């Protein structure tokens, strides 16, 4: 019997149990029937942040960013590319610190962009500053 993983839906935030052996087979949410992985970062809000970082059994990489931040805008395509390369083993997500100020403050985000890697609700690693896709992938792989 294969191990099952809990995966939070990027669309409705429902928690799905997926056999780990089937993770790469394009699983869909049991509630809203949308794909659980789309090779794109998930936009997090106050309502969905805790659900995603605490209920996903896979690591979650969060890009803390803001729309006025030049380096954030420069890194956005690289983060998108990293999502396509790291899913389904890692969930990539973005949190707009301009809109979700309380979460940025709660995690002590002092500069943006800042990447934070979470596993089971615990922060594993943090990296401030913009990076290219290959650097993001390499950094995640060294911390998971």
C-alpha atoms as a PDB file:
ATOM      1  CA  UNK A   1       0.000   0.000   0.000  1.00  0.00           C
ATOM      2  CA  UNK A   2       1.411   3.375  -0.989  1.00  0.00           C
ATOM      3  CA  UNK A   3       1.751   6.319   1.347  1.00  0.00           C
ATOM      4  CA  UNK A   4      -0.788   9.114   0.939  1.00  0.00           C
ATOM      5  CA  UNK A   5      -0.006  12.815   1.081  1.00  0.00           C
ATOM      6  CA  UNK A   6      -2.265  15.699   2.035  1.00  0.00           C
ATOM      7  CA  UNK A   7      -2.304  18.333  -0.709  1.00  0.00           C
ATOM      8  CA  UNK A   8      -4.147  21.642  -0.347  1.00  0.00           C
ATOM      9  CA  UNK A   9      -6.057  22.719  -3.447  1.00  0.00           C
ATOM     10  CA  UNK A  10      -4.738  26.004  -4.892  1.00  0.00           C
ATOM     11  CA  UNK A  11      -8.279  27.011  -5.921  1.00  0.00           C
ATOM     12  CA  UNK A  12     -10.588  26.141  -3.009  1.00  0.00           C
ATOM     13  CA  UNK A  13      -8.057  25.301  -0.227  1.00  0.00           C
ATOM     14  CA  UNK A  14      -9.662  21.893   0.399  1.00  0.00           C
ATOM     15  CA  UNK A  15      -7.277  19.250   1.737  1.00  0.00           C
ATOM     16  CA  UNK A  16      -6.992  16.232  -0.565  1.00  0.00           C
ATOM     17  CA  UNK A  17      -5.390  12.885   0.208  1.00  0.00           C
ATOM     18  CA  UNK A  18      -3.379  11.687  -2.778  1.00  0.00           C
ATOM     19  CA  UNK A  19      -1.315   8.480  -2.998  1.00  0.00           C
ATOM     20  CA  UNK A  20       2.303   9.653  -3.246  1.00  0.00           C
ATOM     21  CA  UNK A  21       2.880   7.352  -6.228  1.00  0.00           C
ATOM     22  CA  UNK A  22       0.150   9.256  -8.148  1.00  0.00           C
ATOM     23  CA  UNK A  23       1.362  12.773  -7.350  1.00  0.00           C
ATOM     24  CA  UNK A  24       2.851  13.256 -10.812  1.00  0.00           C
ATOM     25  CA  UNK A  25      -0.277  12.018 -12.617  1.00  0.00           C
ATOM     26  CA  UNK A  26      -2.151  15.327 -12.612  1.00  0.00           C
ATOM     27  CA  UNK A  27      -4.407  14.795  -9.585  1.00  0.00           C
ATOM     28  CA  UNK A  28      -7.536  16.945  -9.246  1.00  0.00           C
ATOM     29  CA  UNK A  29      -9.274  18.317  -6.186  1.00  0.00           C
ATOM     30  CA  UNK A  30     -12.050  16.114  -4.862  1.00  0.00           C
ATOM     31  CA  UNK A  31     -14.114  19.185  -3.967  1.00  0.00           C
ATOM     32  CA  UNK A  32     -13.781  21.660  -6.882  1.00  0.00           C
ATOM     33  CA  UNK A  33     -12.279  19.256  -9.481  1.00  0.00           C
ATOM     34  CA  UNK A  34      -9.517  21.716 -10.454  1.00  0.00           C
ATOM     35  CA  UNK A  35      -5.940  20.466 -10.951  1.00  0.00           C
ATOM     36  CA  UNK A  36      -3.931  20.354  -7.728  1.00  0.00           C
ATOM     37  CA  UNK A  37      -0.813  21.399  -9.651  1.00  0.00           C
ATOM     38  CA  UNK A  38      -0.708  23.850 -12.527  1.00  0.00           C
ATOM     39  CA  UNK A  39       3.011  24.664 -12.726  1.00  0.00           C
ATOM     40  CA  UNK A  40       2.195  28.146 -11.401  1.00  0.00           C
ATOM     41  CA  UNK A  41       2.652  29.665  -7.950  1.00  0.00           C
ATOM     42  CA  UNK A  42      -0.446  29.848  -5.759  1.00  0.00           C
ATOM     43  CA  UNK A  43      -1.532  33.322  -4.585  1.00  0.00           C
ATOM     44  CA  UNK A  44      -1.924  33.173  -0.806  1.00  0.00           C
ATOM     45  CA  UNK A  45      -4.097  35.405   1.367  1.00  0.00           C
ATOM     46  CA  UNK A  46      -4.703  35.707   5.082  1.00  0.00           C
ATOM     47  CA  UNK A  47      -7.559  33.219   4.632  1.00  0.00           C
ATOM     48  CA  UNK A  48      -5.428  30.582   2.860  1.00  0.00           C
ATOM     49  CA  UNK A  49      -1.876  31.079   4.195  1.00  0.00           C
ATOM     50  CA  UNK A  50      -2.015  28.868   7.316  1.00  0.00           C
ATOM     51  CA  UNK A  51      -3.970  26.156   5.507  1.00  0.00           C
ATOM     52  CA  UNK A  52      -1.294  25.878   2.824  1.00  0.00           C
ATOM     53  CA  UNK A  53       1.780  25.931   5.055  1.00  0.00           C
ATOM     54  CA  UNK A  54       0.376  23.656   7.768  1.00  0.00           C
ATOM     55  CA  UNK A  55      -1.802  21.151   5.886  1.00  0.00           C
ATOM     56  CA  UNK A  56       0.342  20.368   2.817  1.00  0.00           C
ATOM     57  CA  UNK A  57       2.534  17.309   3.334  1.00  0.00           C
ATOM     58  CA  UNK A  58       4.906  18.624   0.662  1.00  0.00           C
ATOM     59  CA  UNK A  59       7.191  21.602   1.354  1.00  0.00           C
ATOM     60  CA  UNK A  60       5.786  25.040   0.491  1.00  0.00           C
ATOM     61  CA  UNK A  61       8.081  27.762  -0.845  1.00  0.00           C
ATOM     62  CA  UNK A  62       6.600  31.232  -0.263  1.00  0.00           C
ATOM     63  CA  UNK A  63       7.737  34.320  -2.160  1.00  0.00           C
ATOM     64  CA  UNK A  64       7.037  37.353   0.035  1.00  0.00           C
ATOM     65  CA  UNK A  65       6.764  40.225  -2.473  1.00  0.00           C
ATOM     66  CA  UNK A  66       5.047  43.551  -3.248  1.00  0.00           C
ATOM     67  CA  UNK A  67       3.854  45.048  -6.552  1.00  0.00           C
ATOM     68  CA  UNK A  68       5.998  48.196  -6.207  1.00  0.00           C
ATOM     69  CA  UNK A  69       9.215  46.187  -5.716  1.00  0.00           C
ATOM     70  CA  UNK A  70      11.491  46.173  -8.787  1.00  0.00           C
ATOM     71  CA  UNK A  71      13.513  43.082  -7.795  1.00  0.00           C
ATOM     72  CA  UNK A  72      10.220  41.267  -7.035  1.00  0.00           C
ATOM     73  CA  UNK A  73       8.974  42.005 -10.554  1.00  0.00           C
ATOM     74  CA  UNK A  74      12.293  40.862 -12.021  1.00  0.00           C
ATOM     75  CA  UNK A  75      12.173  37.585 -10.063  1.00  0.00           C
ATOM     76  CA  UNK A  76       8.511  36.781 -10.886  1.00  0.00           C
ATOM     77  CA  UNK A  77       9.217  34.961 -14.187  1.00  0.00           C
ATOM     78  CA  UNK A  78      12.032  32.961 -12.547  1.00  0.00           C
ATOM     79  CA  UNK A  79       9.713  31.966  -9.684  1.00  0.00           C
ATOM     80  CA  UNK A  80       7.093  30.896 -12.249  1.00  0.00           C
ATOM     81  CA  UNK A  81       9.720  28.787 -14.057  1.00  0.00           C
ATOM     82  CA  UNK A  82      10.847  27.270 -10.744  1.00  0.00           C
ATOM     83  CA  UNK A  83       7.225  26.255 -10.039  1.00  0.00           C
ATOM     84  CA  UNK A  84       7.106  24.353 -13.330  1.00  0.00           C
ATOM     85  CA  UNK A  85      10.384  22.602 -12.442  1.00  0.00           C
ATOM     86  CA  UNK A  86       9.690  21.802  -8.765  1.00  0.00           C
ATOM     87  CA  UNK A  87       6.031  20.718  -8.786  1.00  0.00           C
ATOM     88  CA  UNK A  88       4.564  18.355  -7.679  1.00  0.00           C
ATOM     89  CA  UNK A  89       7.221  17.718  -5.030  1.00  0.00           C
ATOM     90  CA  UNK A  90       7.176  21.332  -3.807  1.00  0.00           C
ATOM     91  CA  UNK A  91       4.276  23.822  -3.736  1.00  0.00           C
ATOM     92  CA  UNK A  92       5.324  27.351  -4.756  1.00  0.00           C
ATOM     93  CA  UNK A  93       3.247  30.245  -3.480  1.00  0.00           C
ATOM     94  CA  UNK A  94       3.316  34.032  -3.459  1.00  0.00           C
ATOM     95  CA  UNK A  95       2.190  36.374  -0.699  1.00  0.00           C
ATOM     96  CA  UNK A  96       1.697  40.068  -1.469  1.00  0.00           C
ATOM     97  CA  UNK A  97       3.063  41.788   1.652  1.00  0.00           C
ATOM     98  CA  UNK A  98       1.425  45.061   0.612  1.00  0.00           C
ATOM     99  CA  UNK A  99      -2.025  43.458   0.932  1.00  0.00           C
ATOM    100  CA  UNK A 100      -1.251  40.877   3.646  1.00  0.00           C
ATOM    101  CA  UNK A 101       0.807  43.086   5.965  1.00  0.00           C
ATOM    102  CA  UNK A 102       0.002  41.131   9.134  1.00  0.00           C
ATOM    103  CA  UNK A 103       1.523  37.907   7.773  1.00  0.00           C
ATOM    104  CA  UNK A 104       4.649  39.740   6.616  1.00  0.00           C
ATOM    105  CA  UNK A 105       4.969  41.230  10.096  1.00  0.00           C
ATOM    106  CA  UNK A 106       4.249  37.894  11.805  1.00  0.00           C
ATOM    107  CA  UNK A 107       7.159  36.284   9.955  1.00  0.00           C
ATOM    108  CA  UNK A 108       9.481  39.266  10.349  1.00  0.00           C
ATOM    109  CA  UNK A 109       9.819  39.954   6.631  1.00  0.00           C
ATOM    110  CA  UNK A 110      12.101  42.999   6.497  1.00  0.00           C
ATOM    111  CA  UNK A 111      13.151  42.984   2.853  1.00  0.00           C
ATOM    112  CA  UNK A 112      11.494  41.784  -0.298  1.00  0.00           C
ATOM    113  CA  UNK A 113      11.629  39.599  -2.164  1.00  0.00           C
ATOM    114  CA  UNK A 114      12.205  37.023   0.538  1.00  0.00           C
ATOM    115  CA  UNK A 115      11.771  33.301  -0.022  1.00  0.00           C
ATOM    116  CA  UNK A 116      10.753  31.162   2.949  1.00  0.00           C
ATOM    117  CA  UNK A 117      10.526  27.375   2.814  1.00  0.00           C
ATOM    118  CA  UNK A 118       7.950  25.723   5.084  1.00  0.00           C
ATOM    119  CA  UNK A 119       7.328  22.071   5.965  1.00  0.00           C
ATOM    120  CA  UNK A 120       4.432  21.061   8.245  1.00  0.00           C
ATOM    121  CA  UNK A 121       3.968  24.674   9.350  1.00  0.00           C
ATOM    122  CA  UNK A 122       7.606  25.124  10.359  1.00  0.00           C
ATOM    123  CA  UNK A 123       9.995  27.444   8.559  1.00  0.00           C
ATOM    124  CA  UNK A 124      12.999  25.448   7.319  1.00  0.00           C
ATOM    125  CA  UNK A 125      14.989  28.141   5.528  1.00  0.00           C
ATOM    126  CA  UNK A 126      14.842  31.761   4.382  1.00  0.00           C
ATOM    127  CA  UNK A 127      16.594  33.617   1.585  1.00  0.00           C
ATOM    128  CA  UNK A 128      16.263  37.370   0.964  1.00  0.00           C
ATOM    129  CA  UNK A 129      16.900  38.872  -2.471  1.00  0.00           C
ATOM    130  CA  UNK A 130      16.004  38.089  -6.055  1.00  0.00           C
ATOM    131  CA  UNK A 131      17.254  34.867  -7.634  1.00  0.00           C
ATOM    132  CA  UNK A 132      17.078  33.212 -11.029  1.00  0.00           C
ATOM    133  CA  UNK A 133      15.086  30.022 -11.626  1.00  0.00           C
ATOM    134  CA  UNK A 134      18.112  27.713 -11.483  1.00  0.00           C
ATOM    135  CA  UNK A 135      19.244  29.317  -8.208  1.00  0.00           C
ATOM    136  CA  UNK A 136      15.751  28.969  -6.701  1.00  0.00           C
ATOM    137  CA  UNK A 137      15.595  25.278  -7.658  1.00  0.00           C
ATOM    138  CA  UNK A 138      19.110  24.630  -6.327  1.00  0.00           C
ATOM    139  CA  UNK A 139      18.391  26.503  -3.068  1.00  0.00           C
ATOM    140  CA  UNK A 140      15.166  24.538  -2.476  1.00  0.00           C
ATOM    141  CA  UNK A 141      16.871  21.224  -3.218  1.00  0.00           C
ATOM    142  CA  UNK A 142      19.600  21.938  -0.660  1.00  0.00           C
ATOM    143  CA  UNK A 143      16.971  22.578   2.051  1.00  0.00           C
ATOM    144  CA  UNK A 144      14.553  19.688   1.405  1.00  0.00           C
END
